[in-house]
N, C-alpha and C. Protein backbone atom coordinates (compact mmCIF):
# COMPACT_ATOMS: atom_id res chain seq x y z
N MET A 1 14.53 -8.07 -67.57
CA MET A 1 13.48 -9.03 -67.77
C MET A 1 12.14 -8.32 -67.94
N PRO A 2 11.19 -8.94 -68.61
CA PRO A 2 9.92 -8.26 -68.89
C PRO A 2 9.15 -7.94 -67.61
N SER A 3 8.35 -6.90 -67.70
CA SER A 3 7.54 -6.49 -66.55
C SER A 3 6.36 -7.43 -66.38
N GLN A 4 5.72 -7.32 -65.23
CA GLN A 4 4.52 -8.12 -64.98
C GLN A 4 3.41 -7.73 -65.95
N THR A 5 3.45 -6.47 -66.40
CA THR A 5 2.47 -6.01 -67.38
C THR A 5 2.55 -6.85 -68.65
N PHE A 6 3.78 -7.13 -69.09
CA PHE A 6 3.96 -7.96 -70.28
C PHE A 6 3.48 -9.39 -70.02
N VAL A 7 3.85 -9.92 -68.86
CA VAL A 7 3.46 -11.29 -68.50
C VAL A 7 1.94 -11.44 -68.49
N ASN A 8 1.25 -10.37 -68.09
CA ASN A 8 -0.21 -10.43 -67.97
C ASN A 8 -0.95 -10.17 -69.28
N LEU A 9 -0.21 -9.87 -70.34
CA LEU A 9 -0.86 -9.63 -71.63
C LEU A 9 -1.54 -10.90 -72.14
N PRO A 10 -2.58 -10.75 -72.96
CA PRO A 10 -3.17 -11.93 -73.61
C PRO A 10 -2.10 -12.68 -74.39
N ALA A 11 -2.18 -13.99 -74.41
CA ALA A 11 -1.16 -14.81 -75.05
C ALA A 11 -0.92 -14.41 -76.50
N GLU A 12 -1.98 -14.11 -77.22
CA GLU A 12 -1.85 -13.75 -78.64
C GLU A 12 -0.97 -12.51 -78.81
N LYS A 13 -1.15 -11.53 -77.93
CA LYS A 13 -0.37 -10.30 -78.04
C LYS A 13 1.08 -10.53 -77.65
N ARG A 14 1.31 -11.32 -76.60
CA ARG A 14 2.68 -11.65 -76.20
C ARG A 14 3.42 -12.35 -77.33
N ILE A 15 2.75 -13.31 -77.94
CA ILE A 15 3.37 -14.07 -79.03
C ILE A 15 3.69 -13.15 -80.20
N ARG A 16 2.79 -12.23 -80.50
CA ARG A 16 3.01 -11.30 -81.61
C ARG A 16 4.24 -10.43 -81.37
N ILE A 17 4.42 -9.97 -80.14
CA ILE A 17 5.58 -9.14 -79.80
C ILE A 17 6.86 -9.96 -79.88
N ILE A 18 6.81 -11.17 -79.33
CA ILE A 18 7.99 -12.05 -79.35
C ILE A 18 8.39 -12.39 -80.78
N GLN A 19 7.41 -12.70 -81.61
CA GLN A 19 7.70 -13.06 -83.00
C GLN A 19 8.29 -11.87 -83.76
N ALA A 20 7.75 -10.68 -83.50
CA ALA A 20 8.27 -9.48 -84.15
C ALA A 20 9.72 -9.22 -83.75
N ALA A 21 10.00 -9.40 -82.46
CA ALA A 21 11.36 -9.18 -81.96
C ALA A 21 12.31 -10.22 -82.53
N LYS A 22 11.87 -11.47 -82.54
CA LYS A 22 12.73 -12.54 -83.03
C LYS A 22 13.04 -12.35 -84.52
N GLU A 23 12.05 -11.90 -85.26
CA GLU A 23 12.26 -11.65 -86.69
C GLU A 23 13.26 -10.51 -86.89
N GLU A 24 13.16 -9.48 -86.07
CA GLU A 24 14.09 -8.34 -86.18
C GLU A 24 15.52 -8.77 -85.86
N PHE A 25 15.68 -9.52 -84.77
CA PHE A 25 17.02 -9.97 -84.38
C PHE A 25 17.54 -11.08 -85.29
N SER A 26 16.66 -11.65 -86.10
CA SER A 26 17.09 -12.65 -87.08
C SER A 26 17.66 -11.99 -88.32
N GLN A 27 17.20 -10.78 -88.61
CA GLN A 27 17.62 -10.07 -89.81
C GLN A 27 18.75 -9.09 -89.58
N TYR A 28 18.84 -8.59 -88.34
CA TYR A 28 19.83 -7.56 -88.04
C TYR A 28 20.65 -7.95 -86.81
N SER A 29 21.86 -7.42 -86.73
CA SER A 29 22.65 -7.61 -85.53
C SER A 29 21.96 -6.90 -84.37
N PHE A 30 22.37 -7.20 -83.15
CA PHE A 30 21.74 -6.57 -82.00
C PHE A 30 21.80 -5.05 -82.12
N TYR A 31 22.95 -4.52 -82.52
CA TYR A 31 23.13 -3.07 -82.56
C TYR A 31 22.36 -2.41 -83.70
N ASP A 32 22.11 -3.15 -84.78
CA ASP A 32 21.37 -2.59 -85.91
C ASP A 32 19.87 -2.82 -85.79
N ALA A 33 19.46 -3.69 -84.89
CA ALA A 33 18.03 -3.96 -84.70
C ALA A 33 17.33 -2.69 -84.23
N SER A 34 16.09 -2.52 -84.68
CA SER A 34 15.35 -1.28 -84.42
C SER A 34 14.09 -1.54 -83.61
N ILE A 35 13.96 -0.82 -82.51
CA ILE A 35 12.73 -0.89 -81.72
C ILE A 35 11.55 -0.41 -82.55
N ASN A 36 11.77 0.60 -83.39
CA ASN A 36 10.69 1.13 -84.23
C ASN A 36 10.12 0.05 -85.15
N ARG A 37 11.01 -0.75 -85.75
CA ARG A 37 10.52 -1.82 -86.63
C ARG A 37 9.80 -2.89 -85.84
N ILE A 38 10.29 -3.17 -84.64
CA ILE A 38 9.66 -4.20 -83.80
C ILE A 38 8.24 -3.79 -83.42
N ILE A 39 8.08 -2.55 -82.95
CA ILE A 39 6.75 -2.12 -82.50
C ILE A 39 5.79 -1.98 -83.68
N LYS A 40 6.33 -1.63 -84.85
CA LYS A 40 5.49 -1.54 -86.04
C LYS A 40 4.97 -2.92 -86.42
N GLU A 41 5.87 -3.91 -86.42
CA GLU A 41 5.48 -5.27 -86.78
C GLU A 41 4.55 -5.87 -85.73
N ALA A 42 4.81 -5.53 -84.45
CA ALA A 42 4.00 -6.08 -83.36
C ALA A 42 2.69 -5.32 -83.18
N GLN A 43 2.58 -4.18 -83.85
CA GLN A 43 1.36 -3.36 -83.79
C GLN A 43 1.07 -2.88 -82.36
N ILE A 44 2.12 -2.31 -81.74
CA ILE A 44 1.95 -1.74 -80.40
C ILE A 44 2.56 -0.34 -80.38
N PRO A 45 2.06 0.56 -79.52
CA PRO A 45 2.64 1.90 -79.40
C PRO A 45 4.03 1.83 -78.77
N ARG A 46 4.87 2.82 -79.06
CA ARG A 46 6.22 2.84 -78.49
C ARG A 46 6.16 2.89 -76.96
N GLY A 47 5.21 3.64 -76.43
CA GLY A 47 5.09 3.74 -74.98
C GLY A 47 4.81 2.40 -74.33
N SER A 48 4.04 1.57 -75.03
CA SER A 48 3.72 0.24 -74.50
C SER A 48 4.98 -0.62 -74.41
N PHE A 49 5.85 -0.47 -75.42
CA PHE A 49 7.08 -1.26 -75.41
C PHE A 49 7.85 -1.04 -74.12
N TYR A 50 7.97 0.23 -73.71
CA TYR A 50 8.76 0.54 -72.51
C TYR A 50 8.01 0.23 -71.22
N ARG A 51 6.75 -0.11 -71.33
CA ARG A 51 6.05 -0.63 -70.15
C ARG A 51 6.29 -2.14 -70.01
N TYR A 52 6.71 -2.75 -71.12
CA TYR A 52 6.96 -4.19 -71.11
C TYR A 52 8.44 -4.52 -70.86
N PHE A 53 9.33 -3.72 -71.48
CA PHE A 53 10.77 -3.97 -71.38
C PHE A 53 11.51 -2.67 -71.10
N GLU A 54 12.63 -2.78 -70.41
CA GLU A 54 13.41 -1.58 -70.10
C GLU A 54 14.03 -0.97 -71.35
N ASN A 55 14.53 -1.83 -72.23
CA ASN A 55 15.20 -1.37 -73.44
C ASN A 55 15.37 -2.55 -74.40
N LYS A 56 16.10 -2.33 -75.47
CA LYS A 56 16.30 -3.37 -76.48
C LYS A 56 17.07 -4.56 -75.91
N GLU A 57 18.07 -4.31 -75.09
CA GLU A 57 18.84 -5.40 -74.50
C GLU A 57 17.98 -6.27 -73.60
N ASP A 58 17.09 -5.65 -72.86
CA ASP A 58 16.18 -6.38 -71.98
C ASP A 58 15.33 -7.36 -72.79
N LEU A 59 14.83 -6.91 -73.93
CA LEU A 59 14.03 -7.76 -74.81
C LEU A 59 14.88 -8.88 -75.39
N PHE A 60 16.08 -8.54 -75.83
CA PHE A 60 16.98 -9.52 -76.44
C PHE A 60 17.33 -10.63 -75.45
N LEU A 61 17.66 -10.26 -74.22
CA LEU A 61 18.01 -11.26 -73.22
C LEU A 61 16.81 -12.12 -72.84
N TYR A 62 15.62 -11.53 -72.92
CA TYR A 62 14.41 -12.32 -72.67
C TYR A 62 14.28 -13.44 -73.71
N LEU A 63 14.56 -13.12 -74.96
CA LEU A 63 14.50 -14.14 -76.02
C LEU A 63 15.55 -15.23 -75.77
N LEU A 64 16.75 -14.81 -75.37
CA LEU A 64 17.80 -15.80 -75.10
C LEU A 64 17.43 -16.68 -73.91
N ASN A 65 16.77 -16.10 -72.93
CA ASN A 65 16.41 -16.87 -71.74
C ASN A 65 15.41 -17.98 -72.05
N GLU A 66 14.62 -17.80 -73.11
CA GLU A 66 13.71 -18.87 -73.51
C GLU A 66 14.50 -20.11 -73.91
N TYR A 67 15.60 -19.90 -74.63
CA TYR A 67 16.46 -21.01 -75.02
C TYR A 67 17.23 -21.55 -73.81
N LYS A 68 17.72 -20.64 -73.00
CA LYS A 68 18.51 -21.03 -71.84
C LYS A 68 17.70 -21.90 -70.89
N SER A 69 16.45 -21.53 -70.67
CA SER A 69 15.58 -22.31 -69.80
C SER A 69 15.34 -23.70 -70.35
N ASP A 70 15.11 -23.78 -71.66
CA ASP A 70 14.90 -25.07 -72.32
C ASP A 70 16.15 -25.93 -72.21
N LEU A 71 17.31 -25.31 -72.42
CA LEU A 71 18.59 -26.03 -72.33
C LEU A 71 18.82 -26.57 -70.93
N LEU A 72 18.57 -25.76 -69.91
CA LEU A 72 18.77 -26.20 -68.53
C LEU A 72 17.83 -27.35 -68.17
N ASP A 73 16.61 -27.30 -68.70
CA ASP A 73 15.67 -28.40 -68.45
C ASP A 73 16.22 -29.71 -69.03
N GLN A 74 16.80 -29.62 -70.22
CA GLN A 74 17.35 -30.82 -70.85
C GLN A 74 18.55 -31.35 -70.07
N ILE A 75 19.40 -30.43 -69.60
CA ILE A 75 20.57 -30.85 -68.83
C ILE A 75 20.15 -31.48 -67.51
N ASN A 76 19.20 -30.84 -66.83
CA ASN A 76 18.72 -31.37 -65.55
C ASN A 76 18.12 -32.76 -65.70
N SER A 77 17.47 -32.99 -66.84
CA SER A 77 16.85 -34.29 -67.08
C SER A 77 17.88 -35.40 -67.27
N LYS A 78 19.14 -34.99 -67.53
CA LYS A 78 20.18 -35.98 -67.80
C LYS A 78 21.21 -36.08 -66.67
N ILE A 79 20.96 -35.36 -65.58
CA ILE A 79 21.89 -35.38 -64.45
C ILE A 79 22.16 -36.80 -63.97
N ASN A 80 21.11 -37.59 -63.84
CA ASN A 80 21.26 -38.96 -63.32
C ASN A 80 21.96 -39.88 -64.31
N ALA A 81 22.10 -39.43 -65.56
CA ALA A 81 22.75 -40.26 -66.57
C ALA A 81 24.26 -40.06 -66.57
N GLY A 82 24.75 -39.25 -65.64
CA GLY A 82 26.19 -39.08 -65.51
C GLY A 82 26.77 -37.90 -66.25
N VAL A 83 26.05 -36.78 -66.29
CA VAL A 83 26.58 -35.57 -66.90
C VAL A 83 27.78 -35.10 -66.11
N ASN A 84 28.84 -34.69 -66.81
CA ASN A 84 30.03 -34.19 -66.12
C ASN A 84 30.48 -32.87 -66.73
N LEU A 85 31.58 -32.37 -66.22
CA LEU A 85 32.06 -31.05 -66.62
C LEU A 85 32.34 -30.96 -68.12
N PHE A 86 32.74 -32.05 -68.74
CA PHE A 86 33.02 -32.05 -70.17
C PHE A 86 31.76 -32.30 -70.99
N SER A 87 30.98 -33.29 -70.59
CA SER A 87 29.80 -33.64 -71.38
C SER A 87 28.75 -32.54 -71.38
N ILE A 88 28.72 -31.73 -70.33
CA ILE A 88 27.74 -30.65 -70.27
C ILE A 88 27.99 -29.63 -71.38
N HIS A 89 29.26 -29.46 -71.75
CA HIS A 89 29.58 -28.52 -72.83
C HIS A 89 29.23 -29.11 -74.20
N PHE A 90 29.32 -30.44 -74.32
CA PHE A 90 28.87 -31.07 -75.55
C PHE A 90 27.35 -30.97 -75.68
N LEU A 91 26.65 -31.07 -74.55
CA LEU A 91 25.20 -30.89 -74.56
C LEU A 91 24.85 -29.50 -75.06
N LEU A 92 25.61 -28.52 -74.62
CA LEU A 92 25.39 -27.15 -75.06
C LEU A 92 25.64 -27.00 -76.56
N PHE A 93 26.76 -27.53 -77.03
CA PHE A 93 27.09 -27.47 -78.46
C PHE A 93 25.99 -28.15 -79.28
N ASP A 94 25.59 -29.34 -78.86
CA ASP A 94 24.58 -30.10 -79.61
C ASP A 94 23.23 -29.38 -79.60
N TYR A 95 22.89 -28.79 -78.47
CA TYR A 95 21.60 -28.09 -78.37
C TYR A 95 21.55 -26.91 -79.34
N ILE A 96 22.58 -26.07 -79.31
CA ILE A 96 22.59 -24.87 -80.15
C ILE A 96 22.63 -25.23 -81.63
N THR A 97 23.50 -26.17 -82.00
CA THR A 97 23.64 -26.50 -83.42
C THR A 97 22.39 -27.21 -83.95
N LYS A 98 21.77 -28.05 -83.12
CA LYS A 98 20.53 -28.71 -83.55
C LYS A 98 19.42 -27.69 -83.75
N LYS A 99 19.30 -26.75 -82.81
CA LYS A 99 18.29 -25.71 -82.94
C LYS A 99 18.55 -24.86 -84.18
N ALA A 100 19.82 -24.60 -84.46
CA ALA A 100 20.18 -23.75 -85.59
C ALA A 100 19.84 -24.40 -86.93
N MET A 101 19.67 -25.71 -86.94
CA MET A 101 19.28 -26.40 -88.16
C MET A 101 17.77 -26.41 -88.37
N ASP A 102 17.04 -25.97 -87.36
CA ASP A 102 15.59 -25.87 -87.44
C ASP A 102 15.24 -24.51 -88.04
N PRO A 103 14.52 -24.47 -89.17
CA PRO A 103 14.19 -23.19 -89.80
C PRO A 103 13.51 -22.19 -88.87
N ALA A 104 12.81 -22.69 -87.85
CA ALA A 104 12.12 -21.79 -86.92
C ALA A 104 13.10 -21.04 -86.02
N HIS A 105 14.32 -21.53 -85.90
CA HIS A 105 15.30 -20.93 -85.00
C HIS A 105 16.60 -20.53 -85.69
N SER A 106 16.80 -21.03 -86.89
CA SER A 106 18.10 -20.91 -87.56
C SER A 106 18.61 -19.47 -87.67
N LYS A 107 17.84 -18.59 -88.30
CA LYS A 107 18.32 -17.23 -88.54
C LYS A 107 18.63 -16.50 -87.25
N PHE A 108 17.77 -16.69 -86.25
CA PHE A 108 17.97 -16.00 -84.98
C PHE A 108 19.26 -16.45 -84.32
N LEU A 109 19.47 -17.75 -84.18
CA LEU A 109 20.65 -18.25 -83.48
C LEU A 109 21.93 -17.97 -84.25
N VAL A 110 21.89 -18.09 -85.56
CA VAL A 110 23.08 -17.77 -86.36
C VAL A 110 23.45 -16.30 -86.16
N ASN A 111 22.45 -15.44 -86.15
CA ASN A 111 22.71 -14.02 -85.93
C ASN A 111 23.27 -13.76 -84.53
N VAL A 112 22.71 -14.45 -83.54
CA VAL A 112 23.14 -14.26 -82.16
C VAL A 112 24.63 -14.57 -82.01
N PHE A 113 25.07 -15.67 -82.62
CA PHE A 113 26.44 -16.11 -82.42
C PHE A 113 27.44 -15.54 -83.42
N THR A 114 26.98 -15.05 -84.54
CA THR A 114 27.93 -14.59 -85.55
C THR A 114 27.89 -13.08 -85.79
N ARG A 115 26.82 -12.41 -85.35
CA ARG A 115 26.72 -10.97 -85.63
C ARG A 115 26.42 -10.14 -84.40
N THR A 116 26.46 -10.75 -83.23
CA THR A 116 26.12 -10.06 -82.00
C THR A 116 27.33 -9.99 -81.09
N ASP A 117 27.39 -8.97 -80.25
CA ASP A 117 28.46 -8.84 -79.27
C ASP A 117 28.59 -10.16 -78.50
N SER A 118 29.81 -10.67 -78.40
CA SER A 118 30.03 -11.98 -77.78
C SER A 118 29.53 -12.04 -76.34
N LYS A 119 29.58 -10.92 -75.63
CA LYS A 119 29.12 -10.92 -74.24
C LYS A 119 27.63 -11.20 -74.16
N LEU A 120 26.87 -10.72 -75.15
CA LEU A 120 25.44 -10.99 -75.16
C LEU A 120 25.18 -12.44 -75.55
N ALA A 121 25.90 -12.92 -76.55
CA ALA A 121 25.72 -14.31 -76.97
C ALA A 121 26.10 -15.28 -75.86
N GLU A 122 27.11 -14.94 -75.08
CA GLU A 122 27.57 -15.82 -74.01
C GLU A 122 26.56 -15.93 -72.88
N HIS A 123 25.54 -15.07 -72.92
CA HIS A 123 24.47 -15.17 -71.90
C HIS A 123 23.86 -16.57 -71.91
N LEU A 124 23.79 -17.17 -73.08
CA LEU A 124 23.24 -18.52 -73.19
C LEU A 124 24.08 -19.53 -72.43
N MET A 125 25.36 -19.23 -72.27
CA MET A 125 26.28 -20.16 -71.63
C MET A 125 26.57 -19.79 -70.19
N SER A 126 25.89 -18.80 -69.67
CA SER A 126 26.25 -18.26 -68.36
C SER A 126 26.00 -19.23 -67.22
N PHE A 127 25.22 -20.30 -67.46
CA PHE A 127 24.99 -21.25 -66.37
C PHE A 127 26.27 -21.99 -66.01
N THR A 128 27.30 -21.93 -66.87
CA THR A 128 28.57 -22.56 -66.54
C THR A 128 29.57 -21.55 -65.99
N ASP A 129 29.13 -20.30 -65.78
CA ASP A 129 30.02 -19.28 -65.23
C ASP A 129 29.89 -19.30 -63.71
N VAL A 130 30.78 -20.04 -63.05
CA VAL A 130 30.65 -20.24 -61.61
C VAL A 130 30.87 -18.96 -60.81
N ARG A 131 31.50 -17.98 -61.39
CA ARG A 131 31.72 -16.73 -60.65
C ARG A 131 30.41 -15.98 -60.43
N GLU A 132 29.42 -16.24 -61.27
CA GLU A 132 28.16 -15.52 -61.18
C GLU A 132 27.02 -16.41 -60.70
N MET A 133 27.34 -17.60 -60.23
CA MET A 133 26.30 -18.55 -59.87
C MET A 133 25.59 -18.18 -58.58
N GLU A 134 24.28 -18.40 -58.59
CA GLU A 134 23.50 -18.31 -57.38
C GLU A 134 23.60 -19.65 -56.66
N GLU A 135 23.05 -19.73 -55.46
CA GLU A 135 23.18 -20.96 -54.67
C GLU A 135 22.64 -22.17 -55.41
N LYS A 136 21.51 -22.02 -56.10
CA LYS A 136 20.92 -23.15 -56.81
C LYS A 136 21.85 -23.63 -57.92
N GLN A 137 22.46 -22.70 -58.63
CA GLN A 137 23.37 -23.07 -59.70
C GLN A 137 24.66 -23.67 -59.15
N GLU A 138 25.07 -23.21 -57.95
CA GLU A 138 26.26 -23.76 -57.31
C GLU A 138 26.05 -25.24 -57.01
N LYS A 139 24.86 -25.58 -56.52
CA LYS A 139 24.55 -26.98 -56.26
C LYS A 139 24.55 -27.78 -57.56
N PHE A 140 24.04 -27.14 -58.62
CA PHE A 140 24.02 -27.79 -59.93
C PHE A 140 25.44 -28.10 -60.39
N LEU A 141 26.35 -27.14 -60.20
CA LEU A 141 27.74 -27.35 -60.58
C LEU A 141 28.35 -28.51 -59.82
N ASN A 142 28.03 -28.62 -58.53
CA ASN A 142 28.57 -29.71 -57.72
C ASN A 142 28.12 -31.07 -58.24
N LEU A 143 26.94 -31.12 -58.84
CA LEU A 143 26.42 -32.38 -59.37
C LEU A 143 27.20 -32.85 -60.60
N VAL A 144 27.72 -31.89 -61.37
CA VAL A 144 28.39 -32.26 -62.62
C VAL A 144 29.91 -32.17 -62.53
N THR A 145 30.42 -31.80 -61.36
CA THR A 145 31.87 -31.65 -61.21
C THR A 145 32.38 -32.52 -60.08
N ASP A 146 33.13 -33.54 -60.41
CA ASP A 146 33.78 -34.38 -59.41
C ASP A 146 35.22 -33.91 -59.29
N THR A 147 35.48 -33.05 -58.31
CA THR A 147 36.81 -32.45 -58.18
C THR A 147 37.88 -33.49 -57.85
N HIS A 148 37.45 -34.66 -57.35
CA HIS A 148 38.42 -35.71 -57.04
C HIS A 148 39.07 -36.26 -58.31
N LEU A 149 38.41 -36.06 -59.45
CA LEU A 149 38.94 -36.55 -60.71
C LEU A 149 39.74 -35.48 -61.45
N LEU A 150 39.83 -34.29 -60.87
CA LEU A 150 40.51 -33.18 -61.52
C LEU A 150 41.78 -32.81 -60.77
N LYS A 151 42.78 -32.36 -61.53
CA LYS A 151 44.03 -31.93 -60.92
C LYS A 151 43.93 -30.45 -60.54
N VAL A 152 42.98 -30.14 -59.69
CA VAL A 152 42.81 -28.77 -59.21
C VAL A 152 42.92 -28.78 -57.70
N GLU A 153 43.59 -27.79 -57.17
CA GLU A 153 43.81 -27.73 -55.73
C GLU A 153 42.99 -26.64 -55.06
N ILE A 154 42.68 -25.59 -55.80
CA ILE A 154 41.88 -24.51 -55.25
C ILE A 154 40.75 -24.17 -56.22
N LYS A 155 39.74 -23.50 -55.71
CA LYS A 155 38.55 -23.22 -56.52
C LYS A 155 38.88 -22.36 -57.73
N GLU A 156 39.83 -21.46 -57.59
CA GLU A 156 40.19 -20.59 -58.71
C GLU A 156 40.71 -21.40 -59.89
N GLU A 157 41.39 -22.50 -59.61
CA GLU A 157 41.87 -23.36 -60.69
C GLU A 157 40.70 -24.03 -61.41
N LEU A 158 39.68 -24.41 -60.65
CA LEU A 158 38.48 -24.97 -61.26
C LEU A 158 37.81 -23.94 -62.16
N PHE A 159 37.74 -22.69 -61.69
CA PHE A 159 37.17 -21.62 -62.49
C PHE A 159 37.92 -21.50 -63.83
N GLN A 160 39.24 -21.59 -63.76
CA GLN A 160 40.05 -21.43 -64.97
C GLN A 160 39.81 -22.58 -65.95
N VAL A 161 39.68 -23.79 -65.43
CA VAL A 161 39.39 -24.95 -66.29
C VAL A 161 38.05 -24.75 -66.99
N ILE A 162 37.05 -24.34 -66.23
CA ILE A 162 35.71 -24.13 -66.80
C ILE A 162 35.74 -23.03 -67.84
N GLU A 163 36.50 -21.98 -67.58
CA GLU A 163 36.59 -20.88 -68.55
C GLU A 163 37.22 -21.36 -69.86
N ILE A 164 38.21 -22.23 -69.77
CA ILE A 164 38.83 -22.78 -70.98
C ILE A 164 37.81 -23.60 -71.77
N LEU A 165 37.04 -24.43 -71.07
CA LEU A 165 36.03 -25.27 -71.73
C LEU A 165 34.95 -24.40 -72.37
N ARG A 166 34.54 -23.36 -71.67
CA ARG A 166 33.51 -22.45 -72.20
C ARG A 166 34.01 -21.76 -73.46
N THR A 167 35.26 -21.32 -73.44
CA THR A 167 35.83 -20.62 -74.58
C THR A 167 35.92 -21.53 -75.80
N ILE A 168 36.39 -22.76 -75.59
CA ILE A 168 36.46 -23.73 -76.69
C ILE A 168 35.07 -23.97 -77.27
N THR A 169 34.10 -24.20 -76.39
CA THR A 169 32.73 -24.49 -76.83
C THR A 169 32.15 -23.32 -77.60
N PHE A 170 32.30 -22.13 -77.06
CA PHE A 170 31.76 -20.93 -77.70
C PHE A 170 32.38 -20.73 -79.09
N ASN A 171 33.68 -20.90 -79.19
CA ASN A 171 34.35 -20.71 -80.48
C ASN A 171 33.90 -21.74 -81.50
N GLN A 172 33.74 -22.99 -81.08
CA GLN A 172 33.31 -24.03 -82.02
C GLN A 172 31.86 -23.84 -82.45
N ILE A 173 31.02 -23.32 -81.56
CA ILE A 173 29.64 -23.02 -81.94
C ILE A 173 29.62 -21.93 -83.01
N ILE A 174 30.42 -20.89 -82.82
CA ILE A 174 30.48 -19.81 -83.80
C ILE A 174 30.93 -20.34 -85.16
N LEU A 175 31.99 -21.15 -85.16
CA LEU A 175 32.50 -21.71 -86.41
C LEU A 175 31.45 -22.60 -87.08
N ALA A 176 30.76 -23.41 -86.29
CA ALA A 176 29.74 -24.30 -86.85
C ALA A 176 28.57 -23.53 -87.43
N LEU A 177 28.15 -22.46 -86.74
CA LEU A 177 27.00 -21.70 -87.21
C LEU A 177 27.34 -20.82 -88.41
N ASN A 178 28.61 -20.54 -88.60
CA ASN A 178 29.01 -19.82 -89.80
C ASN A 178 28.85 -20.68 -91.04
N ASP A 179 28.88 -22.00 -90.85
CA ASP A 179 28.68 -22.94 -91.96
C ASP A 179 28.11 -24.22 -91.36
N LEU A 180 26.78 -24.36 -91.40
CA LEU A 180 26.13 -25.48 -90.72
C LEU A 180 26.52 -26.84 -91.29
N SER A 181 27.10 -26.84 -92.48
CA SER A 181 27.54 -28.12 -93.05
C SER A 181 28.78 -28.66 -92.32
N THR A 182 29.39 -27.83 -91.47
CA THR A 182 30.62 -28.24 -90.77
C THR A 182 30.35 -28.64 -89.32
N VAL A 183 29.09 -28.73 -88.91
CA VAL A 183 28.77 -29.02 -87.50
C VAL A 183 29.47 -30.28 -87.00
N SER A 184 29.38 -31.35 -87.78
CA SER A 184 29.99 -32.62 -87.37
C SER A 184 31.50 -32.47 -87.19
N GLN A 185 32.15 -31.77 -88.11
CA GLN A 185 33.59 -31.58 -88.03
C GLN A 185 33.97 -30.72 -86.83
N LYS A 186 33.19 -29.68 -86.57
CA LYS A 186 33.50 -28.79 -85.45
C LYS A 186 33.31 -29.51 -84.12
N ARG A 187 32.37 -30.45 -84.08
CA ARG A 187 32.20 -31.23 -82.85
C ARG A 187 33.42 -32.13 -82.64
N LYS A 188 33.94 -32.70 -83.73
CA LYS A 188 35.14 -33.52 -83.63
C LYS A 188 36.34 -32.68 -83.19
N ASP A 189 36.42 -31.45 -83.72
CA ASP A 189 37.50 -30.55 -83.30
C ASP A 189 37.39 -30.25 -81.81
N MET A 190 36.17 -30.07 -81.35
CA MET A 190 35.92 -29.81 -79.93
C MET A 190 36.34 -31.02 -79.09
N GLU A 191 36.01 -32.22 -79.56
CA GLU A 191 36.41 -33.44 -78.85
C GLU A 191 37.93 -33.52 -78.75
N ARG A 192 38.61 -33.18 -79.83
CA ARG A 192 40.08 -33.23 -79.84
C ARG A 192 40.66 -32.22 -78.86
N GLN A 193 40.11 -31.02 -78.84
CA GLN A 193 40.61 -29.99 -77.93
C GLN A 193 40.34 -30.36 -76.47
N PHE A 194 39.17 -30.94 -76.22
CA PHE A 194 38.87 -31.39 -74.85
C PHE A 194 39.80 -32.53 -74.44
N HIS A 195 40.16 -33.37 -75.41
CA HIS A 195 41.09 -34.47 -75.13
C HIS A 195 42.43 -33.91 -74.64
N PHE A 196 42.89 -32.82 -75.26
CA PHE A 196 44.13 -32.19 -74.83
C PHE A 196 44.01 -31.67 -73.40
N ILE A 197 42.83 -31.11 -73.07
CA ILE A 197 42.62 -30.60 -71.72
C ILE A 197 42.64 -31.75 -70.71
N LYS A 198 42.02 -32.86 -71.08
CA LYS A 198 41.95 -34.01 -70.17
C LYS A 198 43.31 -34.66 -69.94
N TYR A 199 44.05 -34.85 -71.03
CA TYR A 199 45.25 -35.70 -70.94
C TYR A 199 46.55 -34.97 -71.22
N GLY A 200 46.47 -33.70 -71.62
CA GLY A 200 47.69 -32.95 -71.91
C GLY A 200 48.24 -33.28 -73.29
N VAL A 201 49.31 -32.59 -73.67
CA VAL A 201 49.89 -32.78 -75.00
C VAL A 201 51.30 -33.37 -74.94
N LEU A 202 51.85 -33.46 -73.74
CA LEU A 202 53.20 -34.02 -73.62
C LEU A 202 53.15 -35.54 -73.50
N LYS A 203 54.11 -36.21 -74.11
CA LYS A 203 54.19 -37.67 -74.02
C LYS A 203 54.80 -38.08 -72.69
């Protein structure tokens, strides 16, 4: 995460650095992105970059966290509307695909999900990874998971169910972002796959 030095920069300079980084990661995969091009575009010395961020991954995850924070705010605002373990993944799919249709975010998000290491892209979805949850996130999970409605007997089984839902969601997001004209169809495919999880495939 960025240093306090970065946080304390004038807003104009912070925005310039963020925009330069976002443009770089929009044009190149994470591994092909260049710190040299970023600092040139942002008009900062290389030494300053390392006073702000530990490395390229630190900067990249900072950009993802901006989306993640916005997404969590939206989910939290809908908790009282009956968000559950399944609908929360649809919220994630809808959030990412809607953002990807916005020219201000499209290239960056498409690159993140289609040209970046999946482990880095999955950072956006890590709030559903109960194995890594902090206490606050654990409470959040309890709000959206009614275990009485699930055929799970131990916590590990719940983890496995969530992992299946995360994998389906992640795969459908990738497919949708590869061709934004298919977003509606990929959401329907996701609904069908979730239906199998809910009700099984045997008659």
